[in-house]
Protein backbone atom coordinates (compact mmCIF):
# COMPACT_ATOMS: atom_id res chain seq x y z
CA MET A 1 9.26 20.27 -3.79
CA GLU A 2 8.64 21.31 -7.41
CA HIS A 3 5.11 21.67 -8.79
CA THR A 4 5.70 18.59 -10.96
CA GLY A 5 6.49 16.56 -7.85
CA LEU A 6 3.41 17.84 -6.07
CA ARG A 7 1.28 17.06 -9.07
CA SER A 8 2.75 13.56 -9.19
CA ILE A 9 1.72 13.03 -5.56
CA LEU A 10 -1.77 14.38 -6.25
CA ARG A 11 -2.19 12.35 -9.45
CA ASN A 12 -1.06 9.06 -7.96
CA THR A 13 -2.93 9.75 -4.73
CA THR A 14 -6.06 10.30 -6.80
CA TYR A 15 -5.58 6.96 -8.53
CA LEU A 16 -4.95 5.13 -5.27
CA ALA A 17 -7.75 6.84 -3.39
CA GLY A 18 -10.07 6.22 -6.34
CA ALA A 19 -9.21 2.54 -6.30
CA ARG A 20 -9.98 2.33 -2.62
CA ALA A 21 -13.15 4.41 -2.92
CA VAL A 22 -14.66 2.05 -5.48
CA THR A 23 -13.66 -1.04 -3.58
CA VAL A 24 -14.86 0.43 -0.28
CA ALA A 25 -18.30 0.99 -1.79
CA ALA A 26 -18.37 -2.56 -3.12
CA ARG A 27 -17.04 -3.93 0.16
CA ALA A 28 -19.71 -2.03 2.10
CA VAL A 29 -22.43 -3.76 0.10
CA TYR A 30 -20.63 -7.06 0.58
CA VAL A 31 -20.40 -6.60 4.34
CA LEU A 32 -24.02 -5.50 4.50
CA VAL A 33 -25.26 -8.67 2.82
CA ILE A 34 -23.00 -11.29 4.36
CA ALA A 35 -23.31 -9.90 7.88
CA GLY A 36 -27.08 -10.07 7.62
CA LEU A 37 -27.17 -13.55 6.08
CA LEU A 38 -24.47 -15.18 8.17
CA GLY A 39 -25.45 -13.66 11.50
CA PRO A 40 -23.09 -12.32 14.18
CA GLU A 41 -21.48 -15.66 15.10
CA LEU A 42 -20.55 -16.89 11.59
CA TYR A 43 -19.72 -13.37 10.46
CA GLY A 44 -17.37 -13.01 13.40
CA LEU A 45 -15.73 -16.34 12.62
CA PHE A 46 -15.28 -15.38 8.95
CA ASN A 47 -13.58 -12.12 9.93
CA TYR A 48 -11.45 -13.93 12.48
CA GLY A 49 -10.12 -16.09 9.63
CA LEU A 50 -9.40 -12.93 7.62
CA SER A 51 -7.59 -11.31 10.53
CA TRP A 52 -5.58 -14.47 11.17
CA TYR A 53 -4.16 -14.77 7.67
CA LEU A 54 -3.58 -11.02 7.38
CA LEU A 55 -1.25 -11.29 10.36
CA PHE A 56 1.00 -13.49 8.20
CA VAL A 57 0.93 -11.38 5.04
CA PRO A 58 3.76 -9.08 6.27
CA LEU A 59 5.94 -12.17 6.70
CA ALA A 60 5.29 -13.08 3.07
CA ILE A 61 6.02 -9.54 1.90
CA LEU A 62 9.30 -9.45 3.88
CA GLY A 63 9.25 -5.66 4.00
CA LEU A 64 10.11 -5.41 0.31
CA ASP A 65 7.26 -3.16 -0.83
CA PHE A 66 8.60 0.02 0.78
CA LEU A 67 12.09 -0.93 -0.38
CA LEU A 68 10.80 -1.26 -3.94
CA LEU A 69 9.06 2.12 -3.73
CA ARG A 70 12.26 3.78 -2.58
CA GLU A 71 14.67 2.00 -4.94
CA ILE A 72 12.50 2.38 -8.04
CA GLY A 73 12.09 6.05 -7.13
CA ARG A 74 15.87 6.36 -6.89
CA ALA A 75 16.43 4.60 -10.23
CA ARG A 76 16.59 8.02 -11.90
CA THR A 77 19.86 8.56 -10.07
CA GLY A 78 21.33 5.26 -11.22
CA ALA A 79 20.34 3.03 -8.30
CA PRO A 80 20.68 -0.74 -8.94
CA ASP A 81 17.65 -2.66 -10.14
CA VAL A 82 16.22 -4.82 -7.36
CA VAL A 83 13.01 -5.85 -9.13
CA PRO A 84 14.08 -9.29 -10.54
CA ALA A 85 15.49 -10.56 -7.24
CA SER A 86 12.48 -9.24 -5.32
CA LEU A 87 10.13 -11.19 -7.61
CA ALA A 88 11.98 -14.44 -6.90
CA LEU A 89 12.08 -13.78 -3.18
CA ARG A 90 8.39 -12.87 -3.02
CA THR A 91 7.42 -16.09 -4.80
CA LEU A 92 9.40 -18.20 -2.35
CA SER A 93 8.38 -16.34 0.81
CA SER A 94 4.67 -16.38 -0.06
CA ALA A 95 4.64 -20.17 -0.41
CA LEU A 96 6.58 -20.77 2.81
CA VAL A 97 4.52 -18.33 4.89
CA ALA A 98 1.27 -19.79 3.57
CA ALA A 99 2.37 -23.16 4.91
CA LEU A 100 3.27 -21.57 8.27
CA CYS A 101 -0.10 -19.79 8.43
CA LEU A 102 -1.96 -23.05 7.88
CA GLY A 103 0.19 -25.18 10.17
CA LEU A 104 0.08 -22.82 13.14
CA GLY A 105 -3.63 -22.18 12.74
CA TRP A 106 -4.38 -25.89 12.48
CA TRP A 107 -2.44 -26.47 15.69
CA LEU A 108 -4.16 -23.69 17.67
CA GLU A 109 -7.71 -24.29 16.44
CA SER A 110 -9.91 -27.27 17.25
CA ASP A 111 -13.16 -26.00 15.70
CA PRO A 112 -13.68 -27.78 12.30
CA THR A 113 -15.15 -24.72 10.58
CA ALA A 114 -12.34 -22.50 11.79
CA ARG A 115 -9.76 -25.02 10.58
CA ALA A 116 -11.37 -25.22 7.15
CA LEU A 117 -11.41 -21.42 6.89
CA LEU A 118 -7.73 -21.16 7.79
CA LEU A 119 -6.92 -23.77 5.13
CA VAL A 120 -8.61 -21.71 2.43
CA PHE A 121 -7.16 -18.41 3.62
CA ALA A 122 -3.65 -19.87 3.51
CA PHE A 123 -3.94 -19.78 -0.29
CA ALA A 124 -4.91 -16.11 -0.04
CA VAL A 125 -1.50 -15.44 1.53
CA MET A 126 0.19 -16.52 -1.71
CA GLY A 127 -2.12 -14.50 -3.95
CA ARG A 128 -1.90 -11.43 -1.78
CA GLY A 129 1.87 -11.64 -1.64
CA LEU A 130 2.20 -11.53 -5.42
CA ALA A 131 -0.50 -8.87 -5.82
CA SER A 132 1.26 -6.68 -3.25
CA TRP A 133 4.53 -7.00 -5.17
CA THR A 134 2.92 -5.90 -8.45
CA ASN A 135 1.21 -2.95 -6.75
CA ALA A 136 4.54 -1.85 -5.27
CA VAL A 137 6.13 -1.93 -8.73
CA PHE A 138 3.25 0.11 -10.16
CA LYS A 139 3.52 2.71 -7.38
CA GLY A 140 7.30 2.88 -7.62
CA HIS A 141 7.00 3.72 -11.31
CA GLU A 142 4.37 6.35 -10.40
CA ALA A 143 1.94 4.40 -12.58
CA SER A 144 -0.79 3.96 -10.00
CA GLY A 145 -3.46 3.88 -12.69
CA PHE A 146 -2.71 0.17 -12.94
CA VAL A 147 -3.45 -0.18 -9.23
CA LEU A 148 -6.79 1.54 -9.77
CA ALA A 149 -7.73 -0.83 -12.59
CA GLN A 150 -6.61 -3.93 -10.69
CA GLU A 151 -8.39 -3.06 -7.48
CA VAL A 152 -11.63 -2.10 -9.17
CA VAL A 153 -11.81 -5.21 -11.34
CA PHE A 154 -10.85 -7.85 -8.80
CA ARG A 155 -12.56 -6.41 -5.73
CA LEU A 156 -15.80 -5.98 -7.67
CA LEU A 157 -15.42 -9.49 -9.09
CA GLU A 158 -14.93 -10.86 -5.59
CA VAL A 159 -17.98 -9.05 -4.26
CA LEU A 160 -20.32 -9.93 -7.11
CA LEU A 161 -19.29 -13.58 -7.28
CA GLY A 162 -19.39 -13.96 -3.51
CA LEU A 163 -22.88 -12.48 -3.27
CA ALA A 164 -24.13 -14.64 -6.12
CA LEU A 165 -22.85 -17.83 -4.51
CA LEU A 166 -24.19 -16.79 -1.13
CA ALA A 167 -27.62 -16.17 -2.67
CA ALA A 168 -27.42 -19.63 -4.26
CA GLY A 169 -27.19 -21.18 -0.81
CA HIS A 170 -23.44 -21.56 -0.33
CA GLY A 171 -21.84 -20.73 2.98
CA VAL A 172 -18.86 -19.19 4.65
CA LEU A 173 -16.27 -21.56 3.19
CA VAL A 174 -17.25 -20.70 -0.37
CA LEU A 175 -16.93 -17.00 0.45
CA ALA A 176 -13.40 -17.68 1.68
CA MET A 177 -12.61 -19.55 -1.57
CA VAL A 178 -13.82 -16.61 -3.65
CA HIS A 179 -11.68 -14.24 -1.59
CA ALA A 180 -8.56 -16.35 -2.02
CA GLY A 181 -9.21 -16.92 -5.72
CA ALA A 182 -9.63 -13.22 -6.41
CA TRP A 183 -6.25 -12.40 -4.86
CA ILE A 184 -4.51 -15.21 -6.75
CA ALA A 185 -5.99 -13.97 -10.03
CA GLN A 186 -5.03 -10.36 -9.26
CA GLY A 187 -1.44 -11.36 -8.59
CA ALA A 188 -1.19 -13.29 -11.86
CA VAL A 189 -2.73 -10.51 -13.95
CA GLY A 190 -0.63 -7.87 -12.22
CA LEU A 191 2.55 -9.77 -13.06
CA TYR A 192 1.47 -9.90 -16.70
CA LEU A 193 0.87 -6.12 -16.71
CA VAL A 194 4.29 -5.44 -15.19
CA ARG A 195 5.97 -7.54 -17.87
CA ARG A 196 3.84 -6.11 -20.63
CA PHE A 197 4.03 -2.37 -19.90
CA LEU A 198 6.71 -1.56 -17.30
CA ARG A 199 9.39 -4.26 -17.37
CA PRO A 200 9.31 -6.10 -20.71
CA GLY A 201 11.12 -9.40 -20.51
CA LEU A 202 11.32 -9.33 -16.72
CA GLN A 203 12.43 -12.64 -15.22
CA ALA A 204 12.89 -13.61 -11.60
CA ASP A 205 16.51 -13.61 -10.44
CA TRP A 206 17.03 -16.67 -8.23
CA SER A 207 20.62 -15.83 -7.32
CA LEU A 208 21.15 -16.34 -3.61
CA ARG A 209 23.28 -13.27 -2.91
CA PRO A 210 20.82 -10.56 -4.09
CA MET A 211 17.94 -12.34 -2.34
CA LEU A 212 19.86 -12.44 0.94
CA ALA A 213 20.73 -8.77 0.50
CA LEU A 214 17.04 -7.96 0.05
CA ILE A 215 16.11 -9.93 3.16
CA GLY A 216 18.60 -7.94 5.17
CA ALA A 217 17.45 -4.63 3.72
CA GLY A 218 13.79 -5.48 4.16
CA LEU A 219 14.08 -6.81 7.71
CA PRO A 220 13.17 -3.51 9.44
CA PHE A 221 10.15 -3.17 7.15
CA LEU A 222 9.15 -6.75 7.94
CA VAL A 223 9.29 -6.09 11.67
CA ALA A 224 7.41 -2.81 11.30
CA ALA A 225 4.73 -4.26 9.04
CA PHE A 226 4.15 -7.24 11.31
CA LEU A 227 3.81 -5.00 14.36
CA LEU A 228 1.43 -2.64 12.54
CA GLY A 229 -0.53 -5.68 11.40
CA TRP A 230 -0.70 -6.75 15.04
CA LEU A 231 -2.29 -3.39 15.89
CA MET A 232 -4.81 -3.78 13.05
CA GLN A 233 -5.64 -7.50 13.15
CA GLY A 234 -4.59 -8.38 16.69
CA PRO A 235 -7.72 -6.95 18.38
CA LEU A 236 -10.03 -9.49 16.75
CA VAL A 237 -7.58 -12.39 17.08
CA LEU A 238 -6.94 -11.67 20.76
CA TYR A 239 -10.62 -11.22 21.53
CA ARG A 240 -11.38 -14.55 19.84
CA GLN A 241 -8.80 -16.28 22.05
CA LEU A 242 -10.22 -14.59 25.16
CA GLU A 243 -13.95 -14.85 24.54
CA GLY A 244 -14.54 -17.48 21.80
CA THR A 245 -16.87 -17.22 18.78
CA ASP A 246 -20.14 -16.08 20.32
CA ALA A 247 -22.20 -13.13 19.07
CA PRO A 248 -19.99 -10.36 20.59
CA LEU A 249 -17.19 -11.46 18.24
CA GLY A 250 -19.44 -10.54 15.31
CA GLN A 251 -20.28 -7.16 16.86
CA LEU A 252 -16.60 -6.39 17.27
CA ALA A 253 -15.79 -7.70 13.78
CA LEU A 254 -18.32 -5.41 12.13
CA ALA A 255 -17.11 -2.28 13.94
CA LEU A 256 -13.47 -3.15 13.26
CA GLN A 257 -14.31 -3.81 9.62
CA VAL A 258 -15.39 -0.18 9.27
CA PHE A 259 -12.05 0.95 10.72
CA VAL A 260 -10.03 -1.41 8.53
CA ILE A 261 -11.86 -0.46 5.33
CA ILE A 262 -11.45 3.28 5.86
CA GLY A 263 -7.92 2.76 7.15
CA SER A 264 -6.96 0.95 3.95
CA VAL A 265 -7.93 4.08 2.03
CA VAL A 266 -5.91 6.52 4.11
CA ALA A 267 -2.87 4.23 4.12
CA GLU A 268 -2.62 4.59 0.35
CA LEU A 269 -2.31 8.37 0.65
CA GLY A 270 1.05 8.16 2.38
CA LEU A 271 2.33 5.45 0.04
CA ALA A 272 1.66 7.60 -3.01
CA ALA A 273 4.00 10.29 -1.66
CA VAL A 274 7.04 8.03 -1.14
CA PRO A 275 8.78 8.50 -4.53
CA VAL A 276 8.48 12.31 -4.40
CA LEU A 277 9.37 12.48 -0.70
CA THR A 278 12.47 10.40 -1.43
CA ARG A 279 13.69 12.94 -3.98
CA ALA A 280 12.86 15.80 -1.59
CA SER A 281 14.86 14.07 1.15
CA GLU A 282 17.88 13.73 -1.12
CA ARG A 283 17.66 17.46 -1.92
CA GLN A 284 17.32 18.27 1.80
CA ASP A 285 15.02 21.15 0.96
CA GLY A 286 12.85 20.89 4.08
CA LYS A 287 9.75 19.83 2.20
CA THR A 288 9.44 16.57 4.11
CA ALA A 289 8.82 18.60 7.27
CA LEU A 290 5.98 20.40 5.50
CA PHE A 291 4.53 17.03 4.60
CA VAL A 292 4.65 15.95 8.25
CA GLN A 293 2.81 19.07 9.38
CA GLY A 294 0.20 18.65 6.67
CA ALA A 295 -0.32 14.99 7.56
CA LEU A 296 -0.84 15.80 11.24
CA ARG A 297 -3.44 18.44 10.46
CA ALA A 298 -5.19 16.24 7.93
CA GLY A 299 -5.38 13.40 10.45
CA TRP A 300 -7.17 15.62 12.97
CA LEU A 301 -9.68 16.80 10.37
CA LEU A 302 -10.27 13.27 9.13
CA ALA A 303 -10.86 11.87 12.61
CA ALA A 304 -13.14 14.76 13.54
CA ALA A 305 -15.29 14.44 10.42
CA LEU A 306 -15.66 10.69 10.79
CA ALA A 307 -16.39 10.90 14.51
CA VAL A 308 -19.06 13.56 14.01
CA GLY A 309 -20.73 11.26 11.49
CA GLY A 310 -20.39 8.25 13.78
CA ILE A 311 -21.85 10.03 16.80
CA THR A 312 -24.81 11.55 15.00
CA VAL A 313 -26.05 9.33 12.17
CA GLY A 314 -23.49 6.55 11.81
CA ALA A 315 -24.41 4.41 14.78
CA PRO A 316 -28.19 4.39 14.21
CA ALA A 317 -27.63 3.87 10.47
CA LEU A 318 -25.45 0.83 11.14
CA THR A 319 -28.08 -0.67 13.43
CA TRP A 320 -30.79 0.05 10.85
CA LEU A 321 -28.79 -1.52 8.02
CA PHE A 322 -27.74 -4.69 9.81
CA GLY A 323 -30.64 -5.18 12.18
CA PRO A 324 -31.11 -5.03 15.94
CA GLU A 325 -28.82 -8.03 16.47
CA TYR A 326 -25.91 -5.71 15.55
CA ALA A 327 -26.95 -2.89 17.89
CA SER A 328 -23.74 -3.25 19.90
CA ALA A 329 -21.71 -2.70 16.73
CA GLY A 330 -23.56 0.57 16.14
CA ALA A 331 -22.63 1.75 19.62
CA LEU A 332 -18.98 0.89 18.91
CA LEU A 333 -18.86 2.73 15.57
CA PRO A 334 -17.79 6.19 16.89
CA TRP A 335 -14.81 4.61 18.62
CA ALA A 336 -13.93 2.65 15.48
CA VAL A 337 -13.86 5.67 13.17
CA LEU A 338 -11.89 7.75 15.67
CA LEU A 339 -9.03 5.27 15.20
CA VAL A 340 -8.70 6.32 11.55
CA GLY A 341 -6.99 9.60 12.48
CA PRO A 342 -4.12 8.03 14.47
CA TYR A 343 -3.76 5.32 11.83
CA PHE A 344 -3.44 8.00 9.14
CA TRP A 345 -0.67 9.64 11.17
CA VAL A 346 1.16 6.35 11.59
CA THR A 347 1.13 5.48 7.90
CA SER A 348 1.92 9.00 6.68
CA LEU A 349 4.86 9.47 9.06
CA ARG A 350 6.11 6.02 8.10
CA SER A 351 6.48 7.27 4.51
CA VAL A 352 8.74 10.09 5.71
CA PHE A 353 11.02 7.58 7.45
CA VAL A 354 11.11 5.56 4.21
CA ALA A 355 12.09 8.66 2.25
CA HIS A 356 14.96 9.33 4.65
CA GLY A 357 16.07 5.70 4.59
CA ARG A 358 15.68 5.38 8.39
CA TYR A 359 14.15 1.92 8.26
CA TRP A 360 14.92 0.57 11.72
CA GLN A 361 13.39 3.64 13.31
CA ILE A 362 10.09 2.66 11.67
CA ALA A 363 10.31 -0.71 13.39
CA GLY A 364 11.23 0.93 16.70
CA ALA A 365 8.19 3.19 16.63
CA MET A 366 5.89 0.31 15.71
CA PHE A 367 7.37 -1.79 18.51
CA ALA A 368 6.59 0.91 21.07
CA GLY A 369 2.94 1.09 20.02
CA ALA A 370 2.49 -2.68 19.70
CA LEU A 371 4.06 -3.26 23.11
CA VAL A 372 1.71 -0.78 24.79
CA PHE A 373 -1.28 -2.33 23.02
CA SER A 374 -0.31 -5.87 24.04
CA ILE A 375 0.19 -4.92 27.69
CA ILE A 376 -3.06 -3.02 28.16
CA PHE A 377 -5.39 -5.11 25.95
CA VAL A 378 -6.45 -7.76 28.47
CA PRO A 379 -6.94 -5.34 31.41
CA LEU A 380 -8.96 -2.88 29.30
CA VAL A 381 -11.17 -5.61 27.82
CA GLY A 382 -11.66 -6.98 31.31
CA CYS A 383 -12.93 -3.66 32.67
CA CYS A 384 -14.52 -2.08 29.58
CA GLU A 385 -15.50 -5.15 27.54
CA LEU A 386 -15.85 -4.46 23.78
CA THR A 387 -15.11 -0.74 24.14
CA GLY A 388 -11.83 -1.65 25.80
CA VAL A 389 -10.67 -3.19 22.49
CA PHE A 390 -10.82 0.25 20.87
CA TYR A 391 -9.25 1.99 23.86
CA ALA A 392 -6.28 -0.39 23.69
CA THR A 393 -5.92 -0.08 19.91
CA GLY A 394 -6.12 3.71 20.00
CA ILE A 395 -3.54 4.00 22.79
CA GLY A 396 -1.24 1.67 20.86
CA LEU A 397 -1.53 3.78 17.69
CA ILE A 398 -0.95 7.02 19.61
CA GLY A 399 2.09 5.47 21.26
CA THR A 400 3.47 4.74 17.79
CA VAL A 401 2.82 8.30 16.60
CA ALA A 402 4.45 9.83 19.68
CA THR A 403 7.55 7.72 19.13
CA GLN A 404 7.65 8.64 15.43
CA LEU A 405 7.50 12.36 16.20
CA LEU A 406 10.25 12.04 18.79
CA LEU A 407 12.48 10.28 16.27
CA LEU A 408 11.75 12.88 13.58
CA ARG A 409 12.32 15.94 15.74
CA GLY A 410 15.92 16.32 14.57
CA THR A 411 15.12 16.50 10.83
CA ASP A 412 11.41 17.19 10.47
CA ALA A 413 10.42 19.13 13.56
CA VAL A 414 6.89 20.47 13.53
CA ASP A 415 5.07 23.36 15.14
CA PRO A 416 3.17 21.70 18.02
CA MET A 417 0.66 24.52 18.27
CA GLY A 418 -0.26 24.61 14.59
CA SER A 419 0.01 20.90 13.90
CA MET A 420 -1.42 19.33 17.06
CA VAL A 421 -2.87 21.70 19.66
CA LEU A 422 -5.08 23.91 17.49
CA PRO A 423 -6.35 21.03 15.29
CA GLY A 424 -7.07 19.08 18.48
CA LEU A 425 -9.12 21.96 19.87
CA VAL A 426 -11.00 22.23 16.59
CA THR A 427 -11.78 18.52 16.79
CA LEU A 428 -13.06 18.83 20.36
CA ALA A 429 -15.23 21.80 19.37
CA ALA A 430 -16.75 19.86 16.48
CA LEU A 431 -17.46 16.81 18.64
CA GLY A 432 -18.85 18.95 21.43
CA THR A 433 -21.16 20.78 19.05
CA ALA A 434 -22.41 17.53 17.52
CA GLY A 435 -22.97 15.97 20.93
CA GLY A 436 -24.70 19.05 22.27
CA LEU A 437 -27.16 19.20 19.38
CA LEU A 438 -27.83 15.46 19.31
CA TRP A 439 -30.82 15.76 21.63
CA LEU A 440 -32.56 17.98 19.07
CA HIS A 441 -32.09 15.82 15.94
CA PRO A 442 -29.25 13.67 14.54
CA VAL A 443 -29.20 15.46 11.19
CA LEU A 444 -29.07 18.86 12.90
CA ALA A 445 -26.23 17.59 15.07
CA LEU A 446 -24.41 16.33 11.96
CA GLY A 447 -24.71 19.70 10.22
CA GLY A 448 -23.71 21.62 13.33
CA GLY A 449 -20.68 19.42 13.91
CA PHE A 450 -19.47 19.81 10.33
CA LEU A 451 -20.07 23.56 10.44
CA ALA A 452 -18.06 23.89 13.65
CA LEU A 453 -15.30 21.78 12.14
CA ALA A 454 -15.11 23.84 8.94
CA ALA A 455 -15.22 27.18 10.77
CA GLY A 456 -12.63 26.14 13.30
CA ALA A 457 -10.30 24.74 10.64
CA LEU A 458 -10.41 27.94 8.61
CA LEU A 459 -10.13 30.32 11.57
CA THR A 460 -7.14 28.51 13.11
CA GLY A 461 -5.36 27.88 9.81
CA THR A 462 -5.64 24.11 10.27
CA LEU A 463 -6.98 24.03 6.71
CA PRO A 464 -4.65 26.34 4.72
CA TRP A 465 -7.12 27.09 1.95
CA ARG A 466 -5.04 29.85 0.35
CA SER A 467 -2.09 27.50 -0.14
CA ILE A 468 -4.38 24.84 -1.55
CA LEU A 469 -5.82 27.28 -4.08
CA ARG A 470 -2.34 28.39 -5.15
CA LEU A 471 -1.28 24.79 -5.64
CA LEU A 472 -4.31 23.92 -7.73
CA ARG A 473 -3.81 26.99 -9.92
CA ALA A 474 -0.07 26.50 -10.33
CA ARG A 475 1.34 25.27 -13.60
CA PRO A 476 4.36 22.98 -13.95
CA GLU A 477 7.59 24.90 -14.44
């Protein structure tokens, strides 16, 4: 992988991570205020509505985003242009899936507030579908600065307007309307930016043949995205169906919100690498295997750092911020942030499959994890209550990762000792140190855990600092 390719990954990753970092900060304030004002029951119901409609978003996207990333990345080699037909298909699919989201939700729900929420969130399906298409076009052109601008503007607008209306006495339905409106506006503005700067004169191609071809090509991505969405949104939806809308739903929603917010950041890191990984795959230079090994190590370090924070200061901080009525959410926080590591592996390895063009294998791996999650969810919740939700989700994610690595062993085999065993031992050492020092003081435990993590990562080579320094100092050839 040439230095220019690496720099492209780093530059676009910086844009995407920056977009998520700003929106995560804004979203954290948003969650802090609305959770406190709505209370656990209404907050849980609001997040149930979010999780419900997000289950349908993959159906609206039809698996086209990864296809766009790959095909736009290949355009340098003369690949056909799929952008006009994908725009037409996305417009049609978003409208149809929004109607399905509303109709099915209306049939399953009898609570009037829940029904009203699902009605509003159905419109968010359409806005999110178009916004996702524009972001995919931006990323495919390695112009992720547009994604940064879009995310910052519209997520901040959503947060500020939502908080203002909430302070004025409006309730949960108005918050849902602001959410849906922000996504609709982002999709419209994003389409304008694509036509203005990247694809002047772009028009949707409504020809049936190219749209059918895209549906067929995107089908494995659709299946994979829906199954991954089931792993992310299914825990709250299933718990709602099992236990109703009482206060524990709000506790679970808050802890899961932390996981989803951080997970949305790490998911962007793998997406940014797709265009460069695609070119590396076509060259067959072995650099995709290096990416896999780096992603596995990074996932361990990420999970360890977050878990150390959750064990030491995260849980009491969450209870302090949201009040004693959310104490159960604080106790769940360490389990929630631990899920970020496996989720990072899933999304990063998925990008390698995209680069190789092995689309159905993505769906197969996701199916394995989603099947395990679905089978064990009810028994684990029955015996472990709220903690069982995180056990089931984590096992499902790990099942997906294990399947991905098995499928990749022929082309991107990794060193198990350097990529999994040693980083895992470093993680255990960091968590053990933090837990052992917790009885003295949380801050001391936090510092000790981070110190053990850094020392272990450097001593075992989990963090290859010499290679990182060489990369940062390197100049494009």
